Amino acid sequence: MQNLIDLVILFFIIGVLADAVKSNLEIPPAISRFLARYLLMALGLKGGFALSHLGLTAHVALSVRM
């Protein structure tokens, strides 16, 4: 039951339901761009914090190389 309270899960369920009933629900382009940038920044920050706790190891250096 705790998983259903998570906002990400709720938005996913709402999206699936909206598609199932053929709703014309759509996100405005400005909000869509904002959400994309927010999610990319959140992923980068979360990965950066995890990397800072892990430290620079050979495995990390090989994974991050370009």
Protein backbone atom coordinates (compact mmCIF):
# COMPACT_ATOMS: atom_id res chain seq x y z
CA MET A 1 0.00 0.00 0.00
CA GLN A 2 2.92 2.36 0.69
CA ASN A 3 4.04 2.07 -2.96
CA LEU A 4 0.69 3.37 -4.20
CA ILE A 5 1.21 6.60 -2.24
CA ASP A 6 4.42 7.42 -4.12
CA LEU A 7 3.74 10.29 -6.56
CA VAL A 8 5.65 8.70 -9.41
CA ILE A 9 3.52 5.56 -9.19
CA LEU A 10 0.33 7.63 -8.96
CA PHE A 11 1.19 9.67 -12.06
CA PHE A 12 2.01 6.48 -13.95
CA ILE A 13 -1.33 4.95 -12.99
CA ILE A 14 -3.19 8.13 -13.96
CA GLY A 15 -1.41 8.12 -17.33
CA VAL A 16 -2.31 4.49 -17.97
CA LEU A 17 -5.94 5.13 -17.01
CA ALA A 18 -6.11 8.24 -19.21
CA ASP A 19 -4.81 6.21 -22.15
CA ALA A 20 -7.22 3.34 -21.42
CA VAL A 21 -10.26 5.64 -21.56
CA LYS A 22 -8.86 7.43 -24.66
CA SER A 23 -8.67 10.76 -22.85
CA ASN A 24 -7.29 13.80 -24.66
CA LEU A 25 -5.14 14.60 -21.62
CA GLU A 26 -1.95 16.31 -22.72
CA ILE A 27 0.85 18.22 -21.05
CA PRO A 28 1.57 21.71 -22.43
CA PRO A 29 4.95 21.98 -24.22
CA ALA A 30 6.41 24.45 -21.69
CA ILE A 31 5.67 22.12 -18.79
CA SER A 32 7.01 19.16 -20.74
CA ARG A 33 10.34 20.93 -21.36
CA PHE A 34 10.55 21.95 -17.70
CA LEU A 35 9.89 18.39 -16.52
CA ALA A 36 12.51 16.98 -18.90
CA ARG A 37 15.15 19.42 -17.65
CA TYR A 38 14.17 18.84 -14.03
CA LEU A 39 14.43 15.07 -14.38
CA LEU A 40 17.81 15.27 -16.12
CA MET A 41 19.13 17.60 -13.42
CA ALA A 42 17.76 15.37 -10.65
CA LEU A 43 19.37 12.28 -12.19
CA GLY A 44 22.68 14.09 -12.56
CA LEU A 45 22.63 15.33 -9.00
CA LYS A 46 21.67 11.95 -7.59
CA GLY A 47 24.42 10.27 -9.59
CA GLY A 48 26.92 12.93 -8.55
CA PHE A 49 26.10 12.52 -4.87
CA ALA A 50 26.40 8.74 -5.14
CA LEU A 51 29.73 9.12 -6.94
CA SER A 52 31.03 11.50 -4.28
CA HIS A 53 30.32 8.93 -1.56
CA LEU A 54 31.87 6.10 -3.58
CA GLY A 55 35.05 7.93 -4.44
CA LEU A 56 37.16 7.71 -7.59
CA THR A 57 38.06 4.08 -8.19
CA ALA A 58 39.35 2.34 -11.30
CA HIS A 59 35.87 0.97 -11.97
CA VAL A 60 34.34 4.45 -11.77
CA ALA A 61 37.07 5.95 -13.96
CA LEU A 62 36.48 3.32 -16.66
CA SER A 63 32.72 3.89 -16.52
CA VAL A 64 32.93 7.68 -16.82
CA ARG A 65 35.48 7.87 -19.62
CA MET A 66 34.29 9.29 -22.89
